[in-house]
């Protein structure tokens, strides 16, 4: 399971926030939105963004973004396929 989940709309407003392991600050959403503003198109933002304290992994569908922040202590290479699959499954649960 991923440690937290932020569901964000196109303006950067957090629609839903859930934490399972610890509490990630909302500053991670601001960091993600800053990266998004730097790009010409929103889809040009890389799926994994490295910050000094964590990795930000996101998946986009239309104007909605699923975002999770993962501590640097976790080996991202081992969890990345698992996380991408789980973020995809989260979309299925939201649509149904």
C-alpha atoms as a PDB file:
ATOM      1  CA  UNK A   1       0.000   0.000   0.000  1.00  0.00           C
ATOM      2  CA  UNK A   2       1.211   3.508  -0.641  1.00  0.00           C
ATOM      3  CA  UNK A   3       1.674   5.641   2.498  1.00  0.00           C
ATOM      4  CA  UNK A   4      -0.698   8.467   1.554  1.00  0.00           C
ATOM      5  CA  UNK A   5      -2.980   9.661  -1.226  1.00  0.00           C
ATOM      6  CA  UNK A   6      -3.914  13.147  -2.359  1.00  0.00           C
ATOM      7  CA  UNK A   7      -6.642  13.568  -4.970  1.00  0.00           C
ATOM      8  CA  UNK A   8      -6.137  16.965  -6.597  1.00  0.00           C
ATOM      9  CA  UNK A   9      -8.185  18.902  -9.153  1.00  0.00           C
ATOM     10  CA  UNK A  10      -6.759  21.019 -11.991  1.00  0.00           C
ATOM     11  CA  UNK A  11      -6.451  24.153  -9.835  1.00  0.00           C
ATOM     12  CA  UNK A  12      -4.349  22.361  -7.201  1.00  0.00           C
ATOM     13  CA  UNK A  13      -7.126  22.094  -4.633  1.00  0.00           C
ATOM     14  CA  UNK A  14      -6.947  18.906  -2.545  1.00  0.00           C
ATOM     15  CA  UNK A  15     -10.285  17.146  -2.915  1.00  0.00           C
ATOM     16  CA  UNK A  16      -9.461  14.104  -0.788  1.00  0.00           C
ATOM     17  CA  UNK A  17      -6.490  13.425   1.470  1.00  0.00           C
ATOM     18  CA  UNK A  18      -5.829  10.073   3.156  1.00  0.00           C
ATOM     19  CA  UNK A  19      -2.817   8.952   5.215  1.00  0.00           C
ATOM     20  CA  UNK A  20      -2.052   5.339   6.106  1.00  0.00           C
ATOM     21  CA  UNK A  21       1.592   5.578   7.231  1.00  0.00           C
ATOM     22  CA  UNK A  22       2.466   8.774   9.064  1.00  0.00           C
ATOM     23  CA  UNK A  23       1.343  12.180   7.836  1.00  0.00           C
ATOM     24  CA  UNK A  24       2.763  13.884   4.758  1.00  0.00           C
ATOM     25  CA  UNK A  25       2.533  17.679   4.783  1.00  0.00           C
ATOM     26  CA  UNK A  26       0.384  19.421   2.185  1.00  0.00           C
ATOM     27  CA  UNK A  27       3.559  21.134   1.034  1.00  0.00           C
ATOM     28  CA  UNK A  28       4.106  18.104  -1.218  1.00  0.00           C
ATOM     29  CA  UNK A  29       1.044  19.204  -3.209  1.00  0.00           C
ATOM     30  CA  UNK A  30       2.516  22.698  -3.582  1.00  0.00           C
ATOM     31  CA  UNK A  31       5.806  21.172  -4.747  1.00  0.00           C
ATOM     32  CA  UNK A  32       3.949  19.079  -7.324  1.00  0.00           C
ATOM     33  CA  UNK A  33       1.968  22.081  -8.564  1.00  0.00           C
ATOM     34  CA  UNK A  34       5.200  24.123  -8.913  1.00  0.00           C
ATOM     35  CA  UNK A  35       6.661  21.378 -11.102  1.00  0.00           C
ATOM     36  CA  UNK A  36       3.475  21.338 -13.164  1.00  0.00           C
ATOM     37  CA  UNK A  37       3.583  25.128 -13.715  1.00  0.00           C
ATOM     38  CA  UNK A  38       7.176  24.875 -15.007  1.00  0.00           C
ATOM     39  CA  UNK A  39       6.056  22.664 -17.910  1.00  0.00           C
ATOM     40  CA  UNK A  40       4.216  23.886 -20.999  1.00  0.00           C
ATOM     41  CA  UNK A  41       1.756  21.001 -20.842  1.00  0.00           C
ATOM     42  CA  UNK A  42       0.553  19.284 -17.676  1.00  0.00           C
ATOM     43  CA  UNK A  43       1.206  15.863 -19.180  1.00  0.00           C
ATOM     44  CA  UNK A  44       4.923  16.688 -19.515  1.00  0.00           C
ATOM     45  CA  UNK A  45       5.441  16.347 -15.750  1.00  0.00           C
ATOM     46  CA  UNK A  46       7.388  13.149 -15.075  1.00  0.00           C
ATOM     47  CA  UNK A  47       5.478  10.433 -13.162  1.00  0.00           C
ATOM     48  CA  UNK A  48       8.134  10.408 -10.405  1.00  0.00           C
ATOM     49  CA  UNK A  49       9.489  13.688  -9.035  1.00  0.00           C
ATOM     50  CA  UNK A  50      12.456  13.604  -6.684  1.00  0.00           C
ATOM     51  CA  UNK A  51      12.544  16.167  -3.862  1.00  0.00           C
ATOM     52  CA  UNK A  52      15.109  16.494  -1.058  1.00  0.00           C
ATOM     53  CA  UNK A  53      12.889  14.618   1.433  1.00  0.00           C
ATOM     54  CA  UNK A  54      10.673  12.349  -0.667  1.00  0.00           C
ATOM     55  CA  UNK A  55       9.601  11.050  -4.044  1.00  0.00           C
ATOM     56  CA  UNK A  56       6.309  12.293  -5.481  1.00  0.00           C
ATOM     57  CA  UNK A  57       4.556   9.698  -7.634  1.00  0.00           C
ATOM     58  CA  UNK A  58       1.460  10.716  -9.549  1.00  0.00           C
ATOM     59  CA  UNK A  59      -1.054   9.508 -12.089  1.00  0.00           C
ATOM     60  CA  UNK A  60      -3.295  11.839 -14.096  1.00  0.00           C
ATOM     61  CA  UNK A  61      -6.702  11.245 -15.653  1.00  0.00           C
ATOM     62  CA  UNK A  62      -8.166  14.331 -17.278  1.00  0.00           C
ATOM     63  CA  UNK A  63      -8.115  17.134 -14.710  1.00  0.00           C
ATOM     64  CA  UNK A  64      -7.786  14.854 -11.666  1.00  0.00           C
ATOM     65  CA  UNK A  65      -4.424  13.802 -10.216  1.00  0.00           C
ATOM     66  CA  UNK A  66      -3.675  11.014  -7.748  1.00  0.00           C
ATOM     67  CA  UNK A  67      -0.510  11.937  -5.850  1.00  0.00           C
ATOM     68  CA  UNK A  68       1.467  10.038  -3.226  1.00  0.00           C
ATOM     69  CA  UNK A  69       4.610  11.089  -1.347  1.00  0.00           C
ATOM     70  CA  UNK A  70       7.116   8.367  -0.484  1.00  0.00           C
ATOM     71  CA  UNK A  71       9.990   8.760   1.986  1.00  0.00           C
ATOM     72  CA  UNK A  72      13.492   8.604   0.564  1.00  0.00           C
ATOM     73  CA  UNK A  73      14.211   5.813   3.050  1.00  0.00           C
ATOM     74  CA  UNK A  74      12.129   3.442   0.924  1.00  0.00           C
ATOM     75  CA  UNK A  75      13.782   1.875  -2.116  1.00  0.00           C
ATOM     76  CA  UNK A  76      11.639   3.364  -4.887  1.00  0.00           C
ATOM     77  CA  UNK A  77      12.875   0.944  -7.549  1.00  0.00           C
ATOM     78  CA  UNK A  78      11.426  -1.950  -5.587  1.00  0.00           C
ATOM     79  CA  UNK A  79       8.106  -0.201  -4.946  1.00  0.00           C
ATOM     80  CA  UNK A  80       7.641   1.708  -8.221  1.00  0.00           C
ATOM     81  CA  UNK A  81       5.883  -1.041 -10.265  1.00  0.00           C
ATOM     82  CA  UNK A  82       3.769  -1.886  -7.245  1.00  0.00           C
ATOM     83  CA  UNK A  83       2.845   1.778  -6.720  1.00  0.00           C
ATOM     84  CA  UNK A  84       1.991   2.392 -10.358  1.00  0.00           C
ATOM     85  CA  UNK A  85      -0.277  -0.677 -10.317  1.00  0.00           C
ATOM     86  CA  UNK A  86      -1.961   0.450  -7.094  1.00  0.00           C
ATOM     87  CA  UNK A  87      -2.504   3.991  -8.371  1.00  0.00           C
ATOM     88  CA  UNK A  88      -4.103   2.456 -11.462  1.00  0.00           C
ATOM     89  CA  UNK A  89      -6.329   0.298  -9.253  1.00  0.00           C
ATOM     90  CA  UNK A  90      -7.301   3.394  -7.257  1.00  0.00           C
ATOM     91  CA  UNK A  91      -8.748   4.850 -10.471  1.00  0.00           C
ATOM     92  CA  UNK A  92     -10.860   1.722 -10.925  1.00  0.00           C
ATOM     93  CA  UNK A  93     -12.292   2.050  -7.403  1.00  0.00           C
ATOM     94  CA  UNK A  94     -13.031   5.757  -7.890  1.00  0.00           C
ATOM     95  CA  UNK A  95     -14.902   5.178 -11.162  1.00  0.00           C
ATOM     96  CA  UNK A  96     -17.030   2.261  -9.926  1.00  0.00           C
END
